[in-house]
Amino acid sequence: MSFTVINGLPAHVLFVHFVIVLVPLSALALVICAAWPAGARRLGLMLPALALVTLASVPLATHAGEWLEAHVEGDPLVREHAELGDGLLPWVAGLVVLAAAVWWIARRSAPAAGGTAGAPWAPPVLLRGAVAVLSLAVAAGAVVDVYRIGDSGAKAAWHDSFSKTATRDGD
């Protein structure tokens, strides 16, 4: 199995599904954990781990997409899709950085083990607020970018591939 063709299909059309699912999932988890510290403590290390897996899926899909771009006829819609796809990595890297920050803040402010009351460190309200606002902004940017990339990819793949009127009787 190569990272360009899987079972006779271009790998890009398979790998993009990881990106389509993982980016919004990571973004949602980040926003929830940034706004709800107890949720961040409950998820623990899973939040930055999810963001890292998401980050790894982006270059996998773009590499396979670049291979596919080189193996289809030149099309302005395909070029536009590829250019949009190249812009996703910084958004997802931002998700990773913020997920690590939310995890670190939640971990540092967790009650001490052994049942003693109180937290060893209370993050300033301004810090928590800034991280929550940044998380919301980066999460929204990443999800919107995935939507724009997916929309342009669908247009590139399907723009001349179907008839707007039925060509045969349907069941």
N, C-alpha and C. Protein backbone atom coordinates (compact mmCIF):
# COMPACT_ATOMS: atom_id res chain seq x y z
N MET A 1 0.84 -1.17 0.00
CA MET A 1 0.00 0.00 0.00
C MET A 1 0.89 1.24 0.00
N SER A 2 0.64 2.12 -0.93
CA SER A 2 1.36 3.39 -0.95
C SER A 2 0.45 4.48 -0.40
N PHE A 3 1.01 5.65 -0.24
CA PHE A 3 0.22 6.76 0.24
C PHE A 3 -0.36 7.57 -0.91
N THR A 4 -0.36 7.02 -2.11
CA THR A 4 -0.93 7.70 -3.27
C THR A 4 -2.08 6.93 -3.89
N VAL A 5 -2.00 5.60 -3.86
CA VAL A 5 -3.06 4.76 -4.41
C VAL A 5 -3.35 3.65 -3.40
N ILE A 6 -4.63 3.45 -3.12
CA ILE A 6 -5.04 2.38 -2.21
C ILE A 6 -6.14 1.57 -2.89
N ASN A 7 -5.89 0.31 -3.06
CA ASN A 7 -6.86 -0.60 -3.67
C ASN A 7 -7.35 -0.08 -5.03
N GLY A 8 -6.43 0.52 -5.77
CA GLY A 8 -6.75 1.01 -7.10
C GLY A 8 -7.39 2.39 -7.14
N LEU A 9 -7.65 2.99 -5.99
CA LEU A 9 -8.25 4.32 -5.93
C LEU A 9 -7.20 5.34 -5.51
N PRO A 10 -7.33 6.58 -5.99
CA PRO A 10 -6.43 7.62 -5.47
C PRO A 10 -6.62 7.76 -3.96
N ALA A 11 -5.53 7.69 -3.23
CA ALA A 11 -5.60 7.73 -1.76
C ALA A 11 -6.21 9.03 -1.25
N HIS A 12 -6.07 10.10 -2.00
CA HIS A 12 -6.60 11.38 -1.56
C HIS A 12 -8.09 11.32 -1.24
N VAL A 13 -8.84 10.63 -2.10
CA VAL A 13 -10.29 10.57 -1.88
C VAL A 13 -10.64 9.79 -0.62
N LEU A 14 -9.74 8.99 -0.12
CA LEU A 14 -9.95 8.28 1.14
C LEU A 14 -9.42 9.09 2.33
N PHE A 15 -8.22 9.66 2.20
CA PHE A 15 -7.60 10.39 3.31
C PHE A 15 -8.35 11.67 3.67
N VAL A 16 -9.00 12.29 2.69
CA VAL A 16 -9.71 13.53 3.03
C VAL A 16 -10.82 13.28 4.03
N HIS A 17 -11.34 12.06 4.09
CA HIS A 17 -12.40 11.78 5.06
C HIS A 17 -11.89 11.87 6.49
N PHE A 18 -10.63 11.52 6.71
CA PHE A 18 -10.06 11.71 8.04
C PHE A 18 -10.04 13.19 8.40
N VAL A 19 -9.61 14.01 7.48
CA VAL A 19 -9.54 15.45 7.71
C VAL A 19 -10.93 16.02 7.94
N ILE A 20 -11.89 15.61 7.12
CA ILE A 20 -13.25 16.13 7.21
C ILE A 20 -13.89 15.80 8.56
N VAL A 21 -13.54 14.66 9.13
CA VAL A 21 -14.10 14.27 10.42
C VAL A 21 -13.26 14.82 11.57
N LEU A 22 -11.94 14.69 11.48
CA LEU A 22 -11.09 15.03 12.62
C LEU A 22 -10.96 16.53 12.89
N VAL A 23 -10.93 17.36 11.85
CA VAL A 23 -10.78 18.80 12.10
C VAL A 23 -11.98 19.35 12.87
N PRO A 24 -13.23 19.12 12.43
CA PRO A 24 -14.34 19.63 13.24
C PRO A 24 -14.43 18.99 14.63
N LEU A 25 -14.10 17.70 14.72
CA LEU A 25 -14.12 17.03 16.02
C LEU A 25 -13.09 17.64 16.96
N SER A 26 -11.87 17.85 16.48
CA SER A 26 -10.83 18.48 17.30
C SER A 26 -11.22 19.91 17.67
N ALA A 27 -11.78 20.64 16.71
CA ALA A 27 -12.20 22.02 16.98
C ALA A 27 -13.28 22.06 18.04
N LEU A 28 -14.26 21.19 17.94
CA LEU A 28 -15.34 21.15 18.93
C LEU A 28 -14.81 20.77 20.30
N ALA A 29 -13.97 19.75 20.37
CA ALA A 29 -13.39 19.33 21.64
C ALA A 29 -12.56 20.46 22.27
N LEU A 30 -11.80 21.17 21.44
CA LEU A 30 -10.99 22.28 21.93
C LEU A 30 -11.86 23.38 22.53
N VAL A 31 -12.90 23.78 21.82
CA VAL A 31 -13.77 24.86 22.31
C VAL A 31 -14.46 24.44 23.60
N ILE A 32 -14.96 23.22 23.65
CA ILE A 32 -15.63 22.75 24.86
C ILE A 32 -14.66 22.74 26.04
N CYS A 33 -13.47 22.21 25.82
CA CYS A 33 -12.49 22.12 26.92
C CYS A 33 -11.97 23.50 27.33
N ALA A 34 -11.85 24.42 26.39
CA ALA A 34 -11.38 25.77 26.72
C ALA A 34 -12.43 26.51 27.54
N ALA A 35 -13.70 26.25 27.25
CA ALA A 35 -14.78 26.94 27.96
C ALA A 35 -15.18 26.23 29.26
N TRP A 36 -14.88 24.95 29.34
CA TRP A 36 -15.31 24.14 30.48
C TRP A 36 -14.10 23.37 31.04
N PRO A 37 -13.42 23.95 32.01
CA PRO A 37 -12.19 23.33 32.54
C PRO A 37 -12.39 21.90 33.06
N ALA A 38 -13.55 21.61 33.63
CA ALA A 38 -13.79 20.24 34.11
C ALA A 38 -13.79 19.26 32.95
N GLY A 39 -14.30 19.69 31.81
CA GLY A 39 -14.25 18.84 30.62
C GLY A 39 -12.82 18.61 30.14
N ALA A 40 -12.01 19.65 30.24
CA ALA A 40 -10.60 19.52 29.85
C ALA A 40 -9.89 18.54 30.78
N ARG A 41 -10.20 18.62 32.08
CA ARG A 41 -9.58 17.68 33.02
C ARG A 41 -10.05 16.26 32.75
N ARG A 42 -11.32 16.12 32.38
CA ARG A 42 -11.86 14.80 32.11
C ARG A 42 -11.23 14.18 30.86
N LEU A 43 -11.09 14.98 29.80
CA LEU A 43 -10.47 14.47 28.57
C LEU A 43 -8.98 14.25 28.75
N GLY A 44 -8.35 15.10 29.54
CA GLY A 44 -6.93 14.94 29.82
C GLY A 44 -6.08 15.01 28.56
N LEU A 45 -5.18 14.07 28.45
CA LEU A 45 -4.22 14.04 27.35
C LEU A 45 -4.87 13.69 26.00
N MET A 46 -6.13 13.23 26.04
CA MET A 46 -6.80 12.89 24.78
C MET A 46 -7.00 14.12 23.90
N LEU A 47 -7.17 15.30 24.51
CA LEU A 47 -7.39 16.50 23.70
C LEU A 47 -6.18 16.82 22.82
N PRO A 48 -4.97 16.98 23.38
CA PRO A 48 -3.84 17.23 22.49
C PRO A 48 -3.50 16.03 21.60
N ALA A 49 -3.77 14.82 22.05
CA ALA A 49 -3.51 13.64 21.21
C ALA A 49 -4.43 13.65 19.99
N LEU A 50 -5.69 13.99 20.19
CA LEU A 50 -6.63 14.09 19.07
C LEU A 50 -6.17 15.17 18.08
N ALA A 51 -5.73 16.29 18.61
CA ALA A 51 -5.25 17.38 17.75
C ALA A 51 -4.00 16.94 16.97
N LEU A 52 -3.12 16.18 17.60
CA LEU A 52 -1.92 15.69 16.90
C LEU A 52 -2.27 14.71 15.78
N VAL A 53 -3.21 13.82 16.03
CA VAL A 53 -3.64 12.89 14.99
C VAL A 53 -4.26 13.68 13.83
N THR A 54 -5.03 14.70 14.17
CA THR A 54 -5.62 15.56 13.15
C THR A 54 -4.53 16.24 12.34
N LEU A 55 -3.51 16.75 13.03
CA LEU A 55 -2.40 17.40 12.35
C LEU A 55 -1.70 16.44 11.39
N ALA A 56 -1.52 15.20 11.80
CA ALA A 56 -0.86 14.21 10.94
C ALA A 56 -1.70 13.87 9.72
N SER A 57 -3.01 13.96 9.84
CA SER A 57 -3.88 13.61 8.70
C SER A 57 -3.83 14.65 7.59
N VAL A 58 -3.52 15.89 7.92
CA VAL A 58 -3.52 16.95 6.90
C VAL A 58 -2.41 16.75 5.86
N PRO A 59 -1.14 16.61 6.24
CA PRO A 59 -0.12 16.39 5.20
C PRO A 59 -0.31 15.07 4.45
N LEU A 60 -0.89 14.09 5.10
CA LEU A 60 -1.18 12.82 4.43
C LEU A 60 -2.16 13.06 3.28
N ALA A 61 -3.22 13.81 3.55
CA ALA A 61 -4.22 14.10 2.51
C ALA A 61 -3.65 15.04 1.44
N THR A 62 -2.88 16.03 1.85
CA THR A 62 -2.35 16.97 0.85
C THR A 62 -1.30 16.31 -0.03
N HIS A 63 -0.47 15.44 0.53
CA HIS A 63 0.52 14.72 -0.28
C HIS A 63 -0.19 13.87 -1.33
N ALA A 64 -1.20 13.13 -0.88
CA ALA A 64 -1.95 12.30 -1.83
C ALA A 64 -2.69 13.17 -2.84
N GLY A 65 -3.13 14.34 -2.40
CA GLY A 65 -3.81 15.27 -3.31
C GLY A 65 -2.87 15.84 -4.35
N GLU A 66 -1.64 16.13 -3.96
CA GLU A 66 -0.66 16.63 -4.94
C GLU A 66 -0.35 15.57 -5.99
N TRP A 67 -0.27 14.32 -5.55
CA TRP A 67 -0.05 13.23 -6.50
C TRP A 67 -1.24 13.16 -7.47
N LEU A 68 -2.45 13.24 -6.93
CA LEU A 68 -3.65 13.16 -7.78
C LEU A 68 -3.71 14.35 -8.74
N GLU A 69 -3.37 15.53 -8.27
CA GLU A 69 -3.36 16.72 -9.13
C GLU A 69 -2.45 16.52 -10.33
N ALA A 70 -1.32 15.87 -10.11
CA ALA A 70 -0.37 15.62 -11.21
C ALA A 70 -0.87 14.54 -12.17
N HIS A 71 -1.91 13.81 -11.77
CA HIS A 71 -2.41 12.71 -12.60
C HIS A 71 -3.79 12.97 -13.18
N VAL A 72 -4.25 14.22 -13.13
CA VAL A 72 -5.50 14.58 -13.79
C VAL A 72 -5.22 15.73 -14.75
N GLU A 73 -6.12 15.93 -15.69
CA GLU A 73 -5.94 17.03 -16.64
C GLU A 73 -5.94 18.36 -15.90
N GLY A 74 -5.17 19.32 -16.44
CA GLY A 74 -5.12 20.65 -15.84
C GLY A 74 -6.51 21.28 -15.80
N ASP A 75 -6.89 21.76 -14.65
CA ASP A 75 -8.22 22.33 -14.46
C ASP A 75 -8.08 23.45 -13.43
N PRO A 76 -8.62 24.63 -13.72
CA PRO A 76 -8.52 25.73 -12.76
C PRO A 76 -9.20 25.40 -11.42
N LEU A 77 -10.27 24.60 -11.45
CA LEU A 77 -10.94 24.23 -10.20
C LEU A 77 -10.06 23.33 -9.34
N VAL A 78 -9.33 22.45 -9.98
CA VAL A 78 -8.41 21.57 -9.24
C VAL A 78 -7.28 22.40 -8.64
N ARG A 79 -6.75 23.35 -9.41
CA ARG A 79 -5.69 24.23 -8.89
C ARG A 79 -6.18 25.05 -7.70
N GLU A 80 -7.41 25.58 -7.82
CA GLU A 80 -7.97 26.35 -6.71
C GLU A 80 -8.12 25.48 -5.47
N HIS A 81 -8.61 24.26 -5.65
CA HIS A 81 -8.76 23.33 -4.54
C HIS A 81 -7.41 23.03 -3.88
N ALA A 82 -6.39 22.81 -4.69
CA ALA A 82 -5.05 22.52 -4.16
C ALA A 82 -4.50 23.71 -3.39
N GLU A 83 -4.70 24.91 -3.91
CA GLU A 83 -4.22 26.11 -3.22
C GLU A 83 -4.94 26.29 -1.88
N LEU A 84 -6.24 26.07 -1.86
CA LEU A 84 -6.97 26.17 -0.60
C LEU A 84 -6.49 25.10 0.39
N GLY A 85 -6.25 23.89 -0.12
CA GLY A 85 -5.79 22.80 0.74
C GLY A 85 -4.46 23.09 1.40
N ASP A 86 -3.60 23.83 0.70
CA ASP A 86 -2.29 24.17 1.28
C ASP A 86 -2.41 25.11 2.48
N GLY A 87 -3.56 25.77 2.64
CA GLY A 87 -3.72 26.71 3.74
C GLY A 87 -4.27 26.11 5.02
N LEU A 88 -4.59 24.83 5.03
CA LEU A 88 -5.19 24.22 6.22
C LEU A 88 -4.19 23.92 7.33
N LEU A 89 -2.98 23.56 6.97
CA LEU A 89 -2.01 23.13 7.99
C LEU A 89 -1.79 24.16 9.10
N PRO A 90 -1.65 25.45 8.82
CA PRO A 90 -1.47 26.40 9.92
C PRO A 90 -2.67 26.46 10.88
N TRP A 91 -3.87 26.31 10.35
CA TRP A 91 -5.05 26.28 11.23
C TRP A 91 -5.00 25.08 12.17
N VAL A 92 -4.65 23.93 11.63
CA VAL A 92 -4.62 22.72 12.44
C VAL A 92 -3.44 22.76 13.42
N ALA A 93 -2.33 23.36 13.01
CA ALA A 93 -1.22 23.55 13.95
C ALA A 93 -1.67 24.44 15.11
N GLY A 94 -2.48 25.44 14.81
CA GLY A 94 -3.04 26.28 15.88
C GLY A 94 -3.92 25.49 16.82
N LEU A 95 -4.70 24.55 16.28
CA LEU A 95 -5.51 23.68 17.14
C LEU A 95 -4.61 22.87 18.08
N VAL A 96 -3.49 22.39 17.57
CA VAL A 96 -2.57 21.59 18.39
C VAL A 96 -1.99 22.43 19.52
N VAL A 97 -1.52 23.62 19.18
CA VAL A 97 -0.91 24.50 20.19
C VAL A 97 -1.93 24.86 21.26
N LEU A 98 -3.12 25.22 20.85
CA LEU A 98 -4.14 25.60 21.82
C LEU A 98 -4.64 24.40 22.62
N ALA A 99 -4.72 23.23 22.00
CA ALA A 99 -5.11 22.03 22.74
C ALA A 99 -4.08 21.71 23.82
N ALA A 100 -2.81 21.87 23.49
CA ALA A 100 -1.76 21.65 24.49
C ALA A 100 -1.86 22.69 25.60
N ALA A 101 -2.15 23.93 25.26
CA ALA A 101 -2.28 24.98 26.27
C ALA A 101 -3.48 24.72 27.19
N VAL A 102 -4.60 24.33 26.61
CA VAL A 102 -5.79 24.03 27.41
C VAL A 102 -5.52 22.84 28.32
N TRP A 103 -4.89 21.81 27.79
CA TRP A 103 -4.54 20.64 28.60
C TRP A 103 -3.60 21.03 29.74
N TRP A 104 -2.59 21.83 29.42
CA TRP A 104 -1.61 22.24 30.44
C TRP A 104 -2.27 23.06 31.54
N ILE A 105 -3.11 24.01 31.15
CA ILE A 105 -3.80 24.83 32.15
C ILE A 105 -4.71 23.97 33.01
N ALA A 106 -5.45 23.06 32.40
CA ALA A 106 -6.35 22.19 33.17
C ALA A 106 -5.57 21.27 34.09
N ARG A 107 -4.46 20.78 33.62
CA ARG A 107 -3.63 19.88 34.45
C ARG A 107 -3.02 20.62 35.63
N ARG A 108 -2.52 21.82 35.38
CA ARG A 108 -1.91 22.62 36.45
C ARG A 108 -2.93 23.09 37.47
N SER A 109 -4.17 23.27 37.05
CA SER A 109 -5.18 23.79 37.97
C SER A 109 -6.05 22.70 38.57
N ALA A 110 -5.72 21.45 38.31
CA ALA A 110 -6.49 20.33 38.85
C ALA A 110 -6.26 20.22 40.35
N PRO A 111 -7.28 19.78 41.07
CA PRO A 111 -7.09 19.56 42.51
C PRO A 111 -6.00 18.52 42.75
N ALA A 112 -5.29 18.70 43.85
CA ALA A 112 -4.19 17.80 44.18
C ALA A 112 -4.71 16.39 44.44
N ALA A 113 -3.89 15.42 44.10
CA ALA A 113 -4.25 14.02 44.33
C ALA A 113 -4.31 13.77 45.83
N GLY A 114 -5.13 12.82 46.23
CA GLY A 114 -5.24 12.50 47.64
C GLY A 114 -6.43 13.18 48.29
N GLY A 115 -7.21 13.89 47.50
CA GLY A 115 -8.43 14.47 48.02
C GLY A 115 -8.29 15.79 48.74
N THR A 116 -7.12 16.39 48.74
CA THR A 116 -6.99 17.68 49.40
C THR A 116 -7.72 18.74 48.58
N ALA A 117 -8.33 19.65 49.27
CA ALA A 117 -9.13 20.68 48.60
C ALA A 117 -8.23 21.73 47.98
N GLY A 118 -8.75 22.39 47.00
CA GLY A 118 -8.02 23.50 46.38
C GLY A 118 -7.16 23.05 45.24
N ALA A 119 -6.82 24.00 44.41
CA ALA A 119 -5.97 23.74 43.26
C ALA A 119 -4.59 24.29 43.54
N PRO A 120 -3.55 23.64 43.05
CA PRO A 120 -2.19 24.14 43.27
C PRO A 120 -1.94 25.47 42.54
N TRP A 121 -2.69 25.72 41.50
CA TRP A 121 -2.48 26.95 40.73
C TRP A 121 -3.80 27.34 40.12
N ALA A 122 -4.20 28.56 40.33
CA ALA A 122 -5.44 29.05 39.72
C ALA A 122 -5.06 29.96 38.56
N PRO A 123 -5.38 29.55 37.34
CA PRO A 123 -5.02 30.39 36.20
C PRO A 123 -5.77 31.71 36.25
N PRO A 124 -5.12 32.80 35.90
CA PRO A 124 -5.81 34.08 35.90
C PRO A 124 -7.00 34.05 34.93
N VAL A 125 -8.04 34.74 35.30
CA VAL A 125 -9.24 34.78 34.47
C VAL A 125 -8.91 35.32 33.08
N LEU A 126 -8.02 36.29 33.01
CA LEU A 126 -7.64 36.86 31.72
C LEU A 126 -6.97 35.80 30.83
N LEU A 127 -6.12 34.96 31.41
CA LEU A 127 -5.46 33.89 30.64
C LEU A 127 -6.49 32.89 30.12
N ARG A 128 -7.37 32.44 31.00
CA ARG A 128 -8.40 31.48 30.58
C ARG A 128 -9.30 32.08 29.52
N GLY A 129 -9.66 33.34 29.70
CA GLY A 129 -10.51 34.01 28.72
C GLY A 129 -9.82 34.15 27.38
N ALA A 130 -8.54 34.52 27.39
CA ALA A 130 -7.79 34.68 26.15
C ALA A 130 -7.65 33.35 25.42
N VAL A 131 -7.37 32.29 26.17
CA VAL A 131 -7.24 30.96 25.56
C VAL A 131 -8.59 30.52 24.99
N ALA A 132 -9.67 30.79 25.71
CA ALA A 132 -11.00 30.41 25.21
C ALA A 132 -11.36 31.16 23.93
N VAL A 133 -11.09 32.46 23.89
CA VAL A 133 -11.40 33.26 22.71
C VAL A 133 -10.53 32.82 21.53
N LEU A 134 -9.24 32.62 21.78
CA LEU A 134 -8.34 32.14 20.73
C LEU A 134 -8.77 30.76 20.22
N SER A 135 -9.16 29.91 21.14
CA SER A 135 -9.61 28.56 20.75
C SER A 135 -10.84 28.64 19.86
N LEU A 136 -11.78 29.49 20.21
CA LEU A 136 -12.98 29.65 19.40
C LEU A 136 -12.63 30.19 18.02
N ALA A 137 -11.74 31.17 17.97
CA ALA A 137 -11.35 31.77 16.68
C ALA A 137 -10.63 30.77 15.79
N VAL A 138 -9.66 30.06 16.34
CA VAL A 138 -8.90 29.09 15.54
C VAL A 138 -9.77 27.91 15.14
N ALA A 139 -10.63 27.45 16.05
CA ALA A 139 -11.53 26.35 15.73
C ALA A 139 -12.48 26.75 14.59
N ALA A 140 -13.03 27.95 14.67
CA ALA A 140 -13.93 28.42 13.61
C ALA A 140 -13.17 28.56 12.29
N GLY A 141 -11.97 29.11 12.34
CA GLY A 141 -11.17 29.25 11.13
C GLY A 141 -10.85 27.91 10.49
N ALA A 142 -10.51 26.92 11.31
CA ALA A 142 -10.18 25.59 10.79
C ALA A 142 -11.40 24.93 10.15
N VAL A 143 -12.55 25.03 10.82
CA VAL A 143 -13.76 24.39 10.29
C VAL A 143 -14.21 25.08 9.00
N VAL A 144 -14.17 26.40 8.98
CA VAL A 144 -14.55 27.13 7.76
C VAL A 144 -13.60 26.79 6.62
N ASP A 145 -12.31 26.68 6.92
CA ASP A 145 -11.34 26.33 5.89
C ASP A 145 -11.59 24.92 5.34
N VAL A 146 -11.90 23.98 6.22
CA VAL A 146 -12.21 22.62 5.76
C VAL A 146 -13.45 22.65 4.87
N TYR A 147 -14.44 23.43 5.25
CA TYR A 147 -15.64 23.54 4.42
C TYR A 147 -15.29 24.10 3.04
N ARG A 148 -14.53 25.19 3.00
CA ARG A 148 -14.17 25.82 1.73
C ARG A 148 -13.36 24.87 0.85
N ILE A 149 -12.42 24.15 1.47
CA ILE A 149 -11.60 23.19 0.72
C ILE A 149 -12.47 22.06 0.18
N GLY A 150 -13.33 21.52 1.02
CA GLY A 150 -14.21 20.44 0.59
C GLY A 150 -15.17 20.86 -0.51
N ASP A 151 -15.71 22.07 -0.38
CA ASP A 151 -16.62 22.59 -1.40
C ASP A 151 -15.89 22.73 -2.74
N SER A 152 -14.68 23.29 -2.69
CA SER A 152 -13.93 23.46 -3.94
C SER A 152 -13.53 22.11 -4.52
N GLY A 153 -13.22 21.14 -3.68
CA GLY A 153 -12.88 19.80 -4.16
C GLY A 153 -14.06 19.10 -4.80
N ALA A 154 -15.24 19.27 -4.19
CA ALA A 154 -16.44 18.66 -4.77
C ALA A 154 -16.75 19.29 -6.13
N LYS A 155 -16.61 20.61 -6.22
CA LYS A 155 -16.85 21.28 -7.50
C LYS A 155 -15.84 20.82 -8.55
N ALA A 156 -14.57 20.67 -8.14
CA ALA A 156 -13.55 20.22 -9.08
C ALA A 156 -13.82 18.80 -9.56
N ALA A 157 -14.29 17.95 -8.66
CA ALA A 157 -14.52 16.55 -9.02
C ALA A 157 -15.80 16.35 -9.82
N TRP A 158 -16.82 17.14 -9.56
CA TRP A 158 -18.13 16.84 -10.11
C TRP A 158 -18.64 17.86 -11.13
N HIS A 159 -17.93 18.93 -11.42
CA HIS A 159 -18.50 20.01 -12.23
C HIS A 159 -18.96 19.57 -13.62
N ASP A 160 -18.33 18.61 -14.23
CA ASP A 160 -18.76 18.14 -15.56
C ASP A 160 -19.08 16.65 -15.56
N SER A 161 -19.36 16.09 -14.39
CA SER A 161 -19.49 14.64 -14.30
C SER A 161 -20.92 14.13 -14.19
N PHE A 162 -21.90 15.00 -14.26
CA PHE A 162 -23.26 14.53 -14.14
C PHE A 162 -24.19 15.43 -14.95
N SER A 163 -25.38 14.91 -15.20
CA SER A 163 -26.39 15.66 -15.93
C SER A 163 -27.41 16.19 -14.93
N LYS A 164 -27.85 17.42 -15.12
CA LYS A 164 -28.84 18.00 -14.21
C LYS A 164 -30.23 17.44 -14.48
N THR A 165 -30.39 16.76 -15.57
CA THR A 165 -31.65 16.07 -15.86
C THR A 165 -31.35 14.58 -15.89
N ALA A 166 -32.35 13.81 -15.53
CA ALA A 166 -32.19 12.35 -15.49
C ALA A 166 -31.92 11.81 -16.88
N THR A 167 -30.98 10.91 -16.99
CA THR A 167 -30.66 10.31 -18.29
C THR A 167 -31.38 8.99 -18.48
N ARG A 168 -31.96 8.44 -17.42
CA ARG A 168 -32.75 7.22 -17.51
C ARG A 168 -33.81 7.26 -16.42
N ASP A 169 -34.80 6.42 -16.52
CA ASP A 169 -35.86 6.39 -15.53
C ASP A 169 -35.34 5.85 -14.22
N GLY A 170 -35.66 6.53 -13.13
CA GLY A 170 -35.25 6.07 -11.81
C GLY A 170 -36.27 5.12 -11.23
N ASP A 171 -35.87 4.37 -10.23
CA ASP A 171 -36.79 3.41 -9.58
C ASP A 171 -37.54 4.09 -8.48
